[in-house]
Amino acid sequence: MNIKEEAKQDYLAGMKIKDIANKTGKSESTIRSWKSRYKWDDESITDNTPPESVATKVQRNIKTLQRHM
């Protein structure tokens, strides 16, 4: 998965733009630009992702955030 796809999945899973920027090493403005350009708000992670996959991504995001604290 490339950085844009991972950032999108994190955003759709509820991660804040600031945290996505920190995780990816990209600026907040870059993340906002991707969000707008690729219309992330028009999608939902639960529309086409099995529940187990959503839970796994949420757990991964929690672990990432804990490491940055």
C-alpha atoms as a PDB file:
ATOM      1  CA  MET A   1       0.000   0.000   0.000  1.00  0.00           C
ATOM      2  CA  ASN A   2       1.437   3.400  -0.926  1.00  0.00           C
ATOM      3  CA  ILE A   3       1.479   6.443   1.363  1.00  0.00           C
ATOM      4  CA  LYS A   4      -1.611   8.056  -0.210  1.00  0.00           C
ATOM      5  CA  GLU A   5      -3.651   4.874   0.137  1.00  0.00           C
ATOM      6  CA  GLU A   6      -2.516   4.365   3.722  1.00  0.00           C
ATOM      7  CA  ALA A   7      -3.298   7.999   4.564  1.00  0.00           C
ATOM      8  CA  LYS A   8      -6.749   7.614   3.023  1.00  0.00           C
ATOM      9  CA  GLN A   9      -7.469   4.458   5.010  1.00  0.00           C
ATOM     10  CA  ASP A  10      -6.314   6.161   8.199  1.00  0.00           C
ATOM     11  CA  TYR A  11      -8.535   9.168   7.474  1.00  0.00           C
ATOM     12  CA  LEU A  12     -11.554   6.995   6.723  1.00  0.00           C
ATOM     13  CA  ALA A  13     -10.887   5.069   9.939  1.00  0.00           C
ATOM     14  CA  GLY A  14     -11.176   8.331  11.864  1.00  0.00           C
ATOM     15  CA  MET A  15      -7.580   9.411  12.314  1.00  0.00           C
ATOM     16  CA  LYS A  16      -7.025  13.184  12.434  1.00  0.00           C
ATOM     17  CA  ILE A  17      -5.170  14.912   9.614  1.00  0.00           C
ATOM     18  CA  LYS A  18      -2.470  16.084  12.030  1.00  0.00           C
ATOM     19  CA  ASP A  19      -1.844  12.500  13.153  1.00  0.00           C
ATOM     20  CA  ILE A  20      -1.815  11.208   9.573  1.00  0.00           C
ATOM     21  CA  ALA A  21       0.730  13.881   8.669  1.00  0.00           C
ATOM     22  CA  ASN A  22       2.937  12.862  11.597  1.00  0.00           C
ATOM     23  CA  LYS A  23       2.622   9.186  10.712  1.00  0.00           C
ATOM     24  CA  THR A  24       3.398   9.634   7.008  1.00  0.00           C
ATOM     25  CA  GLY A  25       5.988  12.382   7.330  1.00  0.00           C
ATOM     26  CA  LYS A  26       3.957  14.584   4.979  1.00  0.00           C
ATOM     27  CA  SER A  27       2.662  18.056   5.812  1.00  0.00           C
ATOM     28  CA  GLU A  28      -0.893  18.616   7.008  1.00  0.00           C
ATOM     29  CA  SER A  29      -1.523  20.696   3.881  1.00  0.00           C
ATOM     30  CA  THR A  30      -0.468  17.752   1.699  1.00  0.00           C
ATOM     31  CA  ILE A  31      -2.877  15.440   3.505  1.00  0.00           C
ATOM     32  CA  ARG A  32      -5.679  18.024   3.170  1.00  0.00           C
ATOM     33  CA  SER A  33      -4.856  18.381  -0.522  1.00  0.00           C
ATOM     34  CA  TRP A  34      -5.105  14.619  -1.071  1.00  0.00           C
ATOM     35  CA  LYS A  35      -8.350  14.526   0.925  1.00  0.00           C
ATOM     36  CA  SER A  36      -9.867  17.204  -1.280  1.00  0.00           C
ATOM     37  CA  ARG A  37      -8.410  16.073  -4.617  1.00  0.00           C
ATOM     38  CA  TYR A  38      -9.397  12.434  -4.187  1.00  0.00           C
ATOM     39  CA  LYS A  39     -12.718  13.178  -2.421  1.00  0.00           C
ATOM     40  CA  TRP A  40     -12.083  11.041   0.631  1.00  0.00           C
ATOM     41  CA  ASP A  41     -15.178  12.443   2.337  1.00  0.00           C
ATOM     42  CA  ASP A  42     -17.335  10.846  -0.357  1.00  0.00           C
ATOM     43  CA  GLU A  43     -16.244   7.369   0.736  1.00  0.00           C
ATOM     44  CA  SER A  44     -16.713   5.222   3.790  1.00  0.00           C
ATOM     45  CA  ILE A  45     -14.312   2.553   4.944  1.00  0.00           C
ATOM     46  CA  THR A  46     -17.201   0.309   5.976  1.00  0.00           C
ATOM     47  CA  ASP A  47     -18.839   0.333   2.530  1.00  0.00           C
ATOM     48  CA  ASN A  48     -16.441  -2.191   1.066  1.00  0.00           C
ATOM     49  CA  THR A  49     -14.151  -3.320   3.878  1.00  0.00           C
ATOM     50  CA  PRO A  50     -14.909  -6.360   6.027  1.00  0.00           C
ATOM     51  CA  PRO A  51     -15.379  -5.538   9.751  1.00  0.00           C
ATOM     52  CA  GLU A  52     -12.282  -7.530  10.715  1.00  0.00           C
ATOM     53  CA  SER A  53     -10.183  -5.394   8.410  1.00  0.00           C
ATOM     54  CA  VAL A  54     -11.572  -2.172   9.902  1.00  0.00           C
ATOM     55  CA  ALA A  55     -10.829  -3.407  13.426  1.00  0.00           C
ATOM     56  CA  THR A  56      -7.294  -4.374  12.425  1.00  0.00           C
ATOM     57  CA  LYS A  57      -6.659  -0.928  10.953  1.00  0.00           C
ATOM     58  CA  VAL A  58      -8.043   0.809  14.021  1.00  0.00           C
ATOM     59  CA  GLN A  59      -5.805  -1.282  16.274  1.00  0.00           C
ATOM     60  CA  ARG A  60      -2.783  -0.477  14.100  1.00  0.00           C
ATOM     61  CA  ASN A  61      -3.607   3.232  14.266  1.00  0.00           C
ATOM     62  CA  ILE A  62      -3.930   3.100  18.052  1.00  0.00           C
ATOM     63  CA  LYS A  63      -0.524   1.442  18.346  1.00  0.00           C
ATOM     64  CA  THR A  64       0.998   4.073  16.049  1.00  0.00           C
ATOM     65  CA  LEU A  65      -0.482   6.893  18.091  1.00  0.00           C
ATOM     66  CA  GLN A  66       0.731   5.328  21.335  1.00  0.00           C
ATOM     67  CA  ARG A  67       4.271   5.208  19.969  1.00  0.00           C
ATOM     68  CA  HIS A  68       4.093   8.931  19.165  1.00  0.00           C
ATOM     69  CA  MET A  69       2.989   9.898  22.676  1.00  0.00           C
END
